[in-house]
Amino acid sequence: AGSKLREVFDKINNLLSGKAVQTEGQTVSVTQHPQGLEFVYYKLAEKFVKHGEGEVSFHHDSAFPIAVVLSGIWELHPRVGDIFLAHLHKKCPYAVPFYPARKEGTSMEEYQRMLGYEVHDSKVEEQDHFLKRMSGMIRLYAAIIQLRWPYGNKQGAHPHGLSYGWRWLAQMLNLEPLADVTAMLLLDFLEVCGSALVKQYGIQFWKTMFFIQKSYIPRIEAVTSAGQMGCLSRLKSFVQKCLQEKEIPVPKGILTPSFWRT
């Protein structure tokens, strides 16, 4: 509910503003320790990224309420946004976007960590789990760049708005695609913020969609094996449908004005 989200936002904002906050039966304040505020910035930013790789990866709609709170906090406390991006880029280099290359002397285990895989006791997580986590983080990022906290000061610019999404898409299409990963990330990103990008960039956006269909999808196909076609097929049909109907569907779960009255 909108009212519940406001409570969450106010509590986080009060904590970061140095006010005393009640939690789990005790009163806490960042002023209790000289590094209290820095510690809370760090842990809060980390927590938002964990929401992306956990909650959002399983429940796509949850990207929007989480993103709108982070967007508002970012506006009032820019340090949270900077640290959030640092955590996000470390966990999901594709949010930069960046495909790390394996350098000489880097062990396979270390390289897999650089690519975003979780490695425990030399065991690498399964591909499906890895893709799900990356998907959640990209969906959260794509929600953040288009949402603003509705009760904030609308005079300033969004702290990390759609121009960053436009840049992400352009940079992504300049990279050589990877099997599995590229198709999934593009689909997630376009599903979540394609409709916002088309409103902002109009014909430029449609030119990009046409480029994806004609030039980039064949390049993804060239590196994709028969057993990895699922995501690519979904991306193909999504792009084709959008170009045919000349519109990008509004993402499922987007927060409407009526949500804030709940």
Protein backbone atom coordinates (compact mmCIF):
# COMPACT_ATOMS: atom_id res chain seq x y z
CA ALA A 1 0.00 0.00 0.00
CA GLY A 2 1.06 3.58 -0.68
CA SER A 3 0.68 4.56 2.99
CA LYS A 4 2.93 1.66 4.06
CA LEU A 5 5.58 2.73 1.56
CA ARG A 6 5.50 6.28 2.94
CA GLU A 7 6.10 4.91 6.44
CA VAL A 8 9.14 2.96 5.20
CA PHE A 9 10.49 6.00 3.35
CA ASP A 10 10.01 8.33 6.34
CA LYS A 11 11.74 5.90 8.69
CA ILE A 12 14.81 5.58 6.41
CA ASN A 13 14.90 9.33 5.78
CA ASN A 14 14.63 10.11 9.50
CA LEU A 15 17.45 7.69 10.30
CA LEU A 16 19.73 9.23 7.65
CA SER A 17 18.80 12.74 8.82
CA GLY A 18 20.16 12.00 12.32
CA LYS A 19 16.80 11.59 14.05
CA ALA A 20 16.16 8.83 16.59
CA VAL A 21 14.22 5.92 15.07
CA GLN A 22 12.37 3.08 16.81
CA THR A 23 13.20 -0.38 15.50
CA GLU A 24 12.67 -3.82 17.04
CA GLY A 25 11.90 -2.35 20.43
CA GLN A 26 14.93 -0.06 20.65
CA THR A 27 15.82 3.48 19.68
CA VAL A 28 18.72 3.95 17.25
CA SER A 29 20.43 7.01 15.83
CA VAL A 30 23.36 7.46 13.43
CA THR A 31 24.76 10.06 15.85
CA GLN A 32 25.58 7.29 18.37
CA HIS A 33 28.90 6.60 16.62
CA PRO A 34 31.30 8.86 14.67
CA GLN A 35 31.09 6.54 11.63
CA GLY A 36 27.41 5.73 12.21
CA LEU A 37 26.10 7.60 9.18
CA GLU A 38 28.72 6.17 6.79
CA PHE A 39 27.98 2.67 8.07
CA VAL A 40 24.24 3.10 7.53
CA TYR A 41 24.78 4.53 4.02
CA TYR A 42 26.85 1.46 3.16
CA LYS A 43 24.48 -1.15 4.64
CA LEU A 44 21.36 0.52 3.24
CA ALA A 45 22.80 0.68 -0.30
CA GLU A 46 23.87 -2.96 0.00
CA LYS A 47 20.38 -3.92 1.18
CA PHE A 48 18.74 -2.31 -1.86
CA VAL A 49 20.98 -4.34 -4.19
CA LYS A 50 20.11 -7.51 -2.23
CA HIS A 51 16.42 -6.72 -2.77
CA GLY A 52 17.16 -6.62 -6.50
CA GLU A 53 18.96 -9.97 -6.64
CA GLY A 54 16.50 -11.61 -4.25
CA GLU A 55 12.97 -10.25 -4.11
CA VAL A 56 12.82 -8.65 -7.58
CA SER A 57 14.30 -11.73 -9.26
CA PHE A 58 11.34 -13.79 -7.97
CA HIS A 59 8.60 -11.12 -8.00
CA HIS A 60 9.19 -8.75 -10.92
CA ASP A 61 6.48 -6.30 -9.80
CA SER A 62 8.34 -5.59 -6.55
CA ALA A 63 10.97 -3.61 -8.52
CA PHE A 64 8.69 -0.55 -8.55
CA PRO A 65 7.96 0.02 -4.84
CA ILE A 66 11.61 -0.69 -3.95
CA ALA A 67 12.87 1.59 -6.74
CA VAL A 68 10.60 4.51 -5.88
CA VAL A 69 11.81 4.52 -2.25
CA LEU A 70 15.45 4.32 -3.33
CA SER A 71 14.94 7.09 -5.90
CA GLY A 72 13.53 9.41 -3.21
CA ILE A 73 16.27 8.57 -0.70
CA TRP A 74 18.91 9.05 -3.43
CA GLU A 75 17.51 12.54 -4.12
CA LEU A 76 17.79 13.59 -0.47
CA HIS A 77 20.95 11.63 0.39
CA PRO A 78 23.12 11.40 -2.78
CA ARG A 79 25.77 9.33 -0.98
CA VAL A 80 23.32 6.40 -0.80
CA GLY A 81 22.97 6.50 -4.59
CA ASP A 82 26.73 6.53 -5.16
CA ILE A 83 27.27 3.55 -2.85
CA PHE A 84 24.26 1.74 -4.33
CA LEU A 85 25.82 1.99 -7.80
CA ALA A 86 29.15 0.72 -6.45
CA HIS A 87 27.46 -2.35 -4.88
CA LEU A 88 25.34 -2.90 -8.00
CA HIS A 89 28.29 -2.73 -10.40
CA LYS A 90 30.32 -5.12 -8.27
CA LYS A 91 27.49 -7.67 -8.03
CA CYS A 92 26.25 -7.16 -11.59
CA PRO A 93 28.92 -5.76 -13.97
CA TYR A 94 26.27 -5.87 -16.73
CA ALA A 95 24.59 -2.88 -15.06
CA VAL A 96 27.60 -0.75 -16.08
CA PRO A 97 27.37 -2.40 -18.75
CA PHE A 98 30.69 -4.21 -18.78
CA TYR A 99 31.77 -7.75 -19.64
CA PRO A 100 34.97 -8.37 -17.66
CA ALA A 101 37.78 -10.01 -19.62
CA ARG A 102 39.94 -12.66 -17.97
CA LYS A 103 43.40 -11.26 -17.35
CA GLU A 104 46.57 -13.29 -17.27
CA GLY A 105 47.14 -14.82 -13.85
CA THR A 106 43.45 -14.59 -12.81
CA SER A 107 42.15 -17.92 -11.54
CA MET A 108 38.96 -19.33 -13.07
CA GLU A 109 37.24 -19.01 -9.69
CA GLU A 110 38.19 -15.34 -9.37
CA TYR A 111 37.13 -14.66 -12.95
CA GLN A 112 33.71 -16.25 -12.34
CA ARG A 113 33.26 -13.95 -9.35
CA MET A 114 34.15 -10.97 -11.55
CA LEU A 115 31.40 -12.06 -13.96
CA GLY A 116 28.91 -11.95 -11.09
CA TYR A 117 28.69 -15.66 -10.26
CA GLU A 118 28.49 -16.75 -6.63
CA VAL A 119 31.30 -19.19 -5.83
CA HIS A 120 31.27 -21.15 -2.53
CA ASP A 121 33.89 -23.78 -1.72
CA SER A 122 34.96 -23.78 -5.40
CA LYS A 123 31.36 -24.57 -6.45
CA VAL A 124 29.89 -22.13 -8.95
CA GLU A 125 26.16 -21.38 -8.78
CA GLU A 126 23.96 -22.85 -11.49
CA GLN A 127 23.39 -20.80 -14.62
CA ASP A 128 19.63 -20.47 -14.05
CA HIS A 129 20.15 -19.05 -10.57
CA PHE A 130 22.84 -16.68 -11.81
CA LEU A 131 20.62 -15.38 -14.64
CA LYS A 132 17.70 -14.90 -12.25
CA ARG A 133 19.81 -12.74 -9.91
CA MET A 134 21.22 -10.63 -12.76
CA SER A 135 17.70 -10.20 -14.13
CA GLY A 136 16.42 -8.93 -10.76
CA MET A 137 19.20 -6.36 -10.45
CA ILE A 138 18.75 -5.04 -14.01
CA ARG A 139 14.99 -4.80 -13.50
CA LEU A 140 15.50 -2.82 -10.30
CA TYR A 141 17.94 -0.48 -12.08
CA ALA A 142 15.52 -0.01 -15.01
CA ALA A 143 12.75 0.89 -12.52
CA ILE A 144 14.91 3.38 -10.57
CA ILE A 145 15.86 5.50 -13.60
CA GLN A 146 12.22 6.22 -14.47
CA LEU A 147 10.65 6.70 -11.01
CA ARG A 148 10.61 9.65 -8.65
CA TRP A 149 9.37 9.80 -5.09
CA PRO A 150 5.99 11.56 -5.53
CA TYR A 151 6.25 13.63 -2.32
CA GLY A 152 9.72 15.05 -3.01
CA ASN A 153 10.86 18.38 -4.42
CA LYS A 154 10.16 18.29 -8.16
CA GLN A 155 12.35 21.32 -8.94
CA GLY A 156 15.63 19.44 -9.31
CA ALA A 157 16.46 16.75 -11.85
CA HIS A 158 16.12 13.04 -11.11
CA PRO A 159 19.40 12.03 -9.41
CA HIS A 160 19.93 9.18 -11.90
CA GLY A 161 17.27 9.53 -14.58
CA LEU A 162 16.37 8.15 -18.00
CA SER A 163 19.44 9.60 -19.73
CA TYR A 164 21.45 6.96 -17.83
CA GLY A 165 19.13 4.27 -19.21
CA TRP A 166 19.56 5.60 -22.73
CA ARG A 167 23.32 5.53 -22.24
CA TRP A 168 23.17 1.98 -20.83
CA LEU A 169 21.22 0.77 -23.88
CA ALA A 170 23.61 2.44 -26.34
CA GLN A 171 26.67 1.01 -24.57
CA MET A 172 25.08 -2.43 -24.35
CA LEU A 173 24.52 -2.47 -28.12
CA ASN A 174 28.17 -1.55 -28.67
CA LEU A 175 29.35 -4.66 -26.82
CA GLU A 176 29.83 -8.04 -28.45
CA PRO A 177 26.89 -10.12 -27.15
CA LEU A 178 27.26 -13.02 -24.75
CA ALA A 179 25.13 -16.16 -25.03
CA ASP A 180 22.23 -16.26 -22.53
CA VAL A 181 23.14 -13.07 -20.67
CA THR A 182 22.74 -10.36 -23.33
CA ALA A 183 19.30 -11.42 -24.60
CA MET A 184 17.94 -11.70 -21.06
CA LEU A 185 19.28 -8.32 -19.93
CA LEU A 186 17.98 -6.49 -23.00
CA LEU A 187 14.54 -8.05 -22.60
CA ASP A 188 14.36 -7.24 -18.87
CA PHE A 189 15.49 -3.68 -19.47
CA LEU A 190 13.11 -3.01 -22.37
CA GLU A 191 10.14 -4.59 -20.58
CA VAL A 192 10.66 -2.39 -17.50
CA CYS A 193 11.61 0.99 -18.96
CA GLY A 194 10.97 0.75 -22.72
CA SER A 195 7.69 2.66 -22.44
CA ALA A 196 9.39 5.46 -20.44
CA LEU A 197 12.27 5.64 -22.95
CA VAL A 198 9.93 5.88 -25.94
CA LYS A 199 8.09 8.81 -24.31
CA GLN A 200 11.39 10.60 -23.75
CA TYR A 201 13.30 9.74 -26.94
CA GLY A 202 10.56 9.05 -29.51
CA ILE A 203 11.91 8.36 -32.98
CA GLN A 204 15.48 7.84 -31.73
CA PHE A 205 14.21 5.02 -29.57
CA TRP A 206 12.36 3.38 -32.48
CA LYS A 207 15.53 3.57 -34.57
CA THR A 208 17.31 1.72 -31.76
CA MET A 209 14.58 -0.95 -31.66
CA PHE A 210 14.89 -1.40 -35.41
CA PHE A 211 18.68 -1.75 -35.04
CA ILE A 212 18.17 -4.41 -32.34
CA GLN A 213 15.84 -6.35 -34.64
CA LYS A 214 17.87 -6.10 -37.85
CA SER A 215 21.47 -6.08 -36.62
CA TYR A 216 21.87 -6.98 -32.97
CA ILE A 217 19.57 -10.00 -32.61
CA PRO A 218 21.40 -11.81 -35.48
CA ARG A 219 24.67 -11.15 -33.62
CA ILE A 220 23.20 -12.70 -30.43
CA GLU A 221 21.97 -15.66 -32.52
CA ALA A 222 25.50 -16.21 -33.84
CA VAL A 223 26.85 -16.86 -30.31
CA THR A 224 23.82 -18.76 -28.98
CA SER A 225 23.64 -22.57 -28.97
CA ALA A 226 20.44 -24.52 -29.59
CA GLY A 227 19.90 -25.12 -25.86
CA GLN A 228 20.08 -21.42 -24.97
CA MET A 229 17.41 -20.06 -27.30
CA GLY A 230 14.65 -19.44 -24.73
CA CYS A 231 15.51 -15.86 -23.79
CA LEU A 232 16.51 -14.93 -27.31
CA SER A 233 13.15 -16.12 -28.68
CA ARG A 234 11.32 -14.01 -26.10
CA LEU A 235 13.44 -10.94 -26.94
CA LYS A 236 12.79 -11.45 -30.66
CA SER A 237 9.02 -11.68 -30.26
CA PHE A 238 8.93 -8.71 -27.84
CA VAL A 239 10.85 -6.43 -30.24
CA GLN A 240 8.84 -7.63 -33.24
CA LYS A 241 5.50 -7.04 -31.47
CA CYS A 242 6.55 -3.53 -30.32
CA LEU A 243 7.66 -2.55 -33.83
CA GLN A 244 4.46 -3.94 -35.39
CA GLU A 245 2.15 -2.20 -32.92
CA LYS A 246 4.34 0.93 -32.70
CA GLU A 247 4.11 0.96 -28.94
CA ILE A 248 5.89 -0.45 -25.92
CA PRO A 249 3.58 -1.92 -23.28
CA VAL A 250 3.53 -0.22 -19.88
CA PRO A 251 5.32 -2.57 -17.47
CA LYS A 252 3.25 -4.83 -15.25
CA GLY A 253 3.22 -3.56 -11.66
CA ILE A 254 4.03 0.10 -12.38
CA LEU A 255 2.78 2.37 -9.57
CA THR A 256 -0.30 4.31 -10.69
CA PRO A 257 -1.60 7.50 -8.98
CA SER A 258 -4.34 5.39 -7.31
CA PHE A 259 -1.65 3.29 -5.56
CA TRP A 260 -0.67 6.31 -3.45
CA ARG A 261 -4.24 6.60 -2.17
CA THR A 262 -4.07 3.11 -0.61
